[in-house]
Amino acid sequence: MNEFDNKAYYNDTITKATAGKDLLLTIWDKTGENLLVIGGQKGLTINRSADSIEINSKDTEGSWKSKISGMKEWSIDTDGLYVNGDAAHKRLSEAFDEGDYVCVKVINKKTQKGMFGGLATITDYPIEAPYDDAVTYSLTLEGAGRLVDLTENPLENDTMPKSIVPDENTQTVQTAEGEE
């Protein structure tokens, strides 16, 4: 078989890479019916960590420390241009003020697939307005429970915001801009 010259000038890793611009952080509205894209996004970081528990004793071999993984946690940081009137920003402000959880979903807009989902609380949500630049926001969400890897546990009907072009296996809902 001579598939692309036996891949002599590329490998599959390159073709499977994902562009950061294709990933979007979305949140569900308060009713759980509408998936809202957070407007103006520029950056997105998904943080996952675990506590480190030392399990040393006087008879630990070679005087080297030994550790095991403890409790795990996750958080998401995002930032971007603040879009005044954006439905997702309205929901985030409301959730922050009321101390409510938000249900989040990271999606790949190119493949129209969910990547991660979970319940989180807003721990930081500043809006910056410098006199010589655009108004921006940053947002930190801290997880409440497990962050579900939707690439390992795909949803049968993977909901996407309406602004994302659907295929036959994608359920669409209202966008952050309030379009139907």
Protein backbone atom coordinates (compact mmCIF):
# COMPACT_ATOMS: atom_id res chain seq x y z
CA MET A 1 0.00 0.00 0.00
CA ASN A 2 1.31 3.45 -0.91
CA GLU A 3 -0.75 5.73 1.34
CA PHE A 4 0.72 9.22 0.79
CA ASP A 5 4.19 7.74 0.10
CA ASN A 6 3.84 5.77 3.35
CA LYS A 7 3.55 9.11 5.21
CA ALA A 8 7.20 9.86 4.48
CA TYR A 9 6.71 13.63 4.86
CA TYR A 10 4.15 13.86 7.67
CA ASN A 11 2.81 11.92 10.61
CA ASP A 12 -0.67 11.42 12.05
CA THR A 13 0.12 13.54 15.11
CA ILE A 14 0.23 16.66 12.95
CA THR A 15 -3.14 15.95 11.38
CA LYS A 16 -4.76 15.36 14.78
CA ALA A 17 -3.59 18.62 16.39
CA THR A 18 -6.29 21.06 17.53
CA ALA A 19 -6.07 24.83 17.09
CA GLY A 20 -6.75 26.75 20.28
CA LYS A 21 -9.02 29.13 18.37
CA ASP A 22 -11.46 26.24 17.83
CA LEU A 23 -12.12 25.70 21.55
CA LEU A 24 -14.84 27.74 23.24
CA LEU A 25 -15.96 27.94 26.84
CA THR A 26 -19.74 27.84 27.09
CA ILE A 27 -22.13 27.95 30.03
CA TRP A 28 -25.69 26.79 30.44
CA ASP A 29 -28.30 29.40 31.28
CA LYS A 30 -30.09 29.18 34.63
CA THR A 31 -32.84 26.95 33.19
CA GLY A 32 -30.38 24.44 31.70
CA GLU A 33 -32.08 24.82 28.32
CA ASN A 34 -29.72 27.19 26.50
CA LEU A 35 -25.99 26.78 25.95
CA LEU A 36 -24.33 30.22 25.82
CA VAL A 37 -20.96 31.00 24.24
CA ILE A 38 -19.06 33.48 26.43
CA GLY A 39 -18.57 36.45 24.08
CA GLY A 40 -15.17 37.95 23.29
CA GLN A 41 -13.04 34.97 24.36
CA LYS A 42 -9.33 35.08 23.65
CA GLY A 43 -7.65 32.73 26.12
CA LEU A 44 -8.68 29.43 27.73
CA THR A 45 -6.77 27.32 30.23
CA ILE A 46 -8.07 24.12 31.79
CA ASN A 47 -6.18 23.40 35.02
CA ARG A 48 -6.17 19.95 36.62
CA SER A 49 -4.19 19.07 39.73
CA ALA A 50 -4.02 16.64 42.63
CA ASP A 51 -2.78 16.95 46.20
CA SER A 52 0.53 15.28 46.88
CA ILE A 53 0.57 13.01 49.95
CA GLU A 54 3.92 11.91 51.35
CA ILE A 55 4.09 8.28 52.39
CA ASN A 56 7.61 8.21 53.86
CA SER A 57 8.83 6.27 56.85
CA LYS A 58 12.17 5.66 58.47
CA ASP A 59 12.58 2.52 56.43
CA THR A 60 11.81 4.12 53.05
CA GLU A 61 14.30 2.67 50.60
CA GLY A 62 17.30 4.85 49.75
CA SER A 63 16.02 7.85 51.73
CA TRP A 64 13.97 8.93 48.73
CA LYS A 65 10.60 10.51 49.33
CA SER A 66 7.55 8.63 48.13
CA LYS A 67 4.23 10.21 47.33
CA ILE A 68 0.74 9.26 46.25
CA SER A 69 -1.95 11.29 44.62
CA GLY A 70 -4.62 12.72 46.90
CA MET A 71 -7.74 14.77 46.27
CA LYS A 72 -8.07 16.17 42.76
CA GLU A 73 -9.35 19.55 41.60
CA TRP A 74 -9.89 21.47 38.39
CA SER A 75 -10.39 25.04 37.33
CA ILE A 76 -10.79 27.01 34.14
CA ASP A 77 -9.29 30.42 33.38
CA THR A 78 -10.45 32.48 30.42
CA ASP A 79 -10.15 36.07 29.31
CA GLY A 80 -11.10 38.27 26.43
CA LEU A 81 -12.83 41.38 25.20
CA TYR A 82 -15.83 42.31 27.32
CA VAL A 83 -19.00 42.25 25.18
CA ASN A 84 -21.56 44.49 26.83
CA GLY A 85 -25.04 42.94 26.78
CA ASP A 86 -23.76 39.41 26.07
CA ALA A 87 -26.18 36.85 27.58
CA ALA A 88 -23.36 34.68 28.92
CA HIS A 89 -21.74 37.65 30.70
CA LYS A 90 -25.14 38.56 32.16
CA ARG A 91 -25.49 34.99 33.48
CA LEU A 92 -21.93 35.00 34.85
CA SER A 93 -22.55 38.30 36.68
CA GLU A 94 -25.79 36.94 38.11
CA ALA A 95 -24.13 33.69 39.24
CA PHE A 96 -21.24 35.62 40.79
CA ASP A 97 -23.56 37.99 42.67
CA GLU A 98 -25.79 35.17 43.93
CA GLY A 99 -22.99 32.67 44.63
CA ASP A 100 -24.58 30.16 42.24
CA TYR A 101 -22.83 27.31 40.49
CA VAL A 102 -22.56 27.45 36.71
CA CYS A 103 -22.62 24.40 34.48
CA VAL A 104 -19.79 24.73 31.97
CA LYS A 105 -18.91 22.96 28.74
CA VAL A 106 -15.77 23.35 26.63
CA ILE A 107 -16.57 22.67 22.99
CA ASN A 108 -14.63 22.28 19.77
CA LYS A 109 -16.49 24.46 17.29
CA LYS A 110 -14.72 22.88 14.31
CA THR A 111 -15.59 19.26 15.12
CA GLN A 112 -18.85 20.23 16.87
CA LYS A 113 -18.00 18.03 19.83
CA GLY A 114 -17.91 18.62 23.55
CA MET A 115 -14.51 18.24 25.18
CA PHE A 116 -15.07 18.83 28.91
CA GLY A 117 -17.99 19.59 31.18
CA GLY A 118 -18.64 20.19 34.85
CA LEU A 119 -20.14 22.27 37.61
CA ALA A 120 -18.13 25.24 38.85
CA THR A 121 -18.20 28.31 41.03
CA ILE A 122 -16.92 31.72 39.96
CA THR A 123 -14.00 32.79 42.15
CA ASP A 124 -12.67 35.72 40.13
CA TYR A 125 -14.39 37.88 37.49
CA PRO A 126 -12.70 41.28 37.06
CA ILE A 127 -13.52 43.64 34.22
CA GLU A 128 -10.72 46.00 33.22
CA ALA A 129 -11.26 49.33 31.48
CA PRO A 130 -7.94 51.06 30.78
CA TYR A 131 -8.18 54.54 29.27
CA ASP A 132 -6.10 53.53 26.23
CA ASP A 133 -7.38 50.07 25.39
CA ALA A 134 -10.49 47.92 24.99
CA VAL A 135 -12.56 46.76 27.95
CA THR A 136 -11.55 43.21 28.88
CA TYR A 137 -12.52 40.54 31.38
CA SER A 138 -10.87 37.57 33.01
CA LEU A 139 -12.71 34.71 34.64
CA THR A 140 -11.71 31.93 37.01
CA LEU A 141 -14.06 29.01 37.54
CA GLU A 142 -13.26 26.42 40.23
CA GLY A 143 -14.74 22.96 39.83
CA ALA A 144 -17.28 21.39 42.16
CA GLY A 145 -16.79 17.68 41.65
CA ARG A 146 -15.39 15.89 38.64
CA LEU A 147 -14.50 17.50 35.31
CA VAL A 148 -15.98 15.09 32.78
CA ASP A 149 -13.81 14.36 29.75
CA LEU A 150 -16.37 14.28 26.95
CA THR A 151 -13.81 12.95 24.47
CA GLU A 152 -13.61 9.77 26.59
CA ASN A 153 -17.33 9.78 27.47
CA PRO A 154 -19.02 11.28 24.38
CA LEU A 155 -22.64 12.35 24.56
CA GLU A 156 -25.14 10.74 22.20
CA ASN A 157 -26.74 14.11 21.43
CA ASP A 158 -23.92 16.60 21.93
CA THR A 159 -25.55 20.02 22.37
CA MET A 160 -23.86 22.92 20.60
CA PRO A 161 -24.79 26.61 20.62
CA LYS A 162 -26.92 27.64 17.66
CA SER A 163 -24.09 29.77 16.26
CA ILE A 164 -22.10 26.56 15.67
CA VAL A 165 -23.09 24.91 12.38
CA PRO A 166 -24.84 21.64 13.27
CA ASP A 167 -24.64 18.20 11.74
CA GLU A 168 -27.29 15.47 12.01
CA ASN A 169 -26.00 14.31 15.43
CA THR A 170 -25.86 17.78 16.99
CA GLN A 171 -28.61 19.38 19.01
CA THR A 172 -28.67 23.18 18.80
CA VAL A 173 -29.76 25.72 21.36
CA GLN A 174 -29.86 29.49 21.82
CA THR A 175 -26.63 31.48 21.50
CA ALA A 176 -25.28 34.05 23.90
CA GLU A 177 -26.54 36.78 21.61
CA GLY A 178 -30.12 35.63 22.17
CA GLU A 179 -30.79 34.48 18.59
CA GLU A 180 -33.19 31.62 17.97
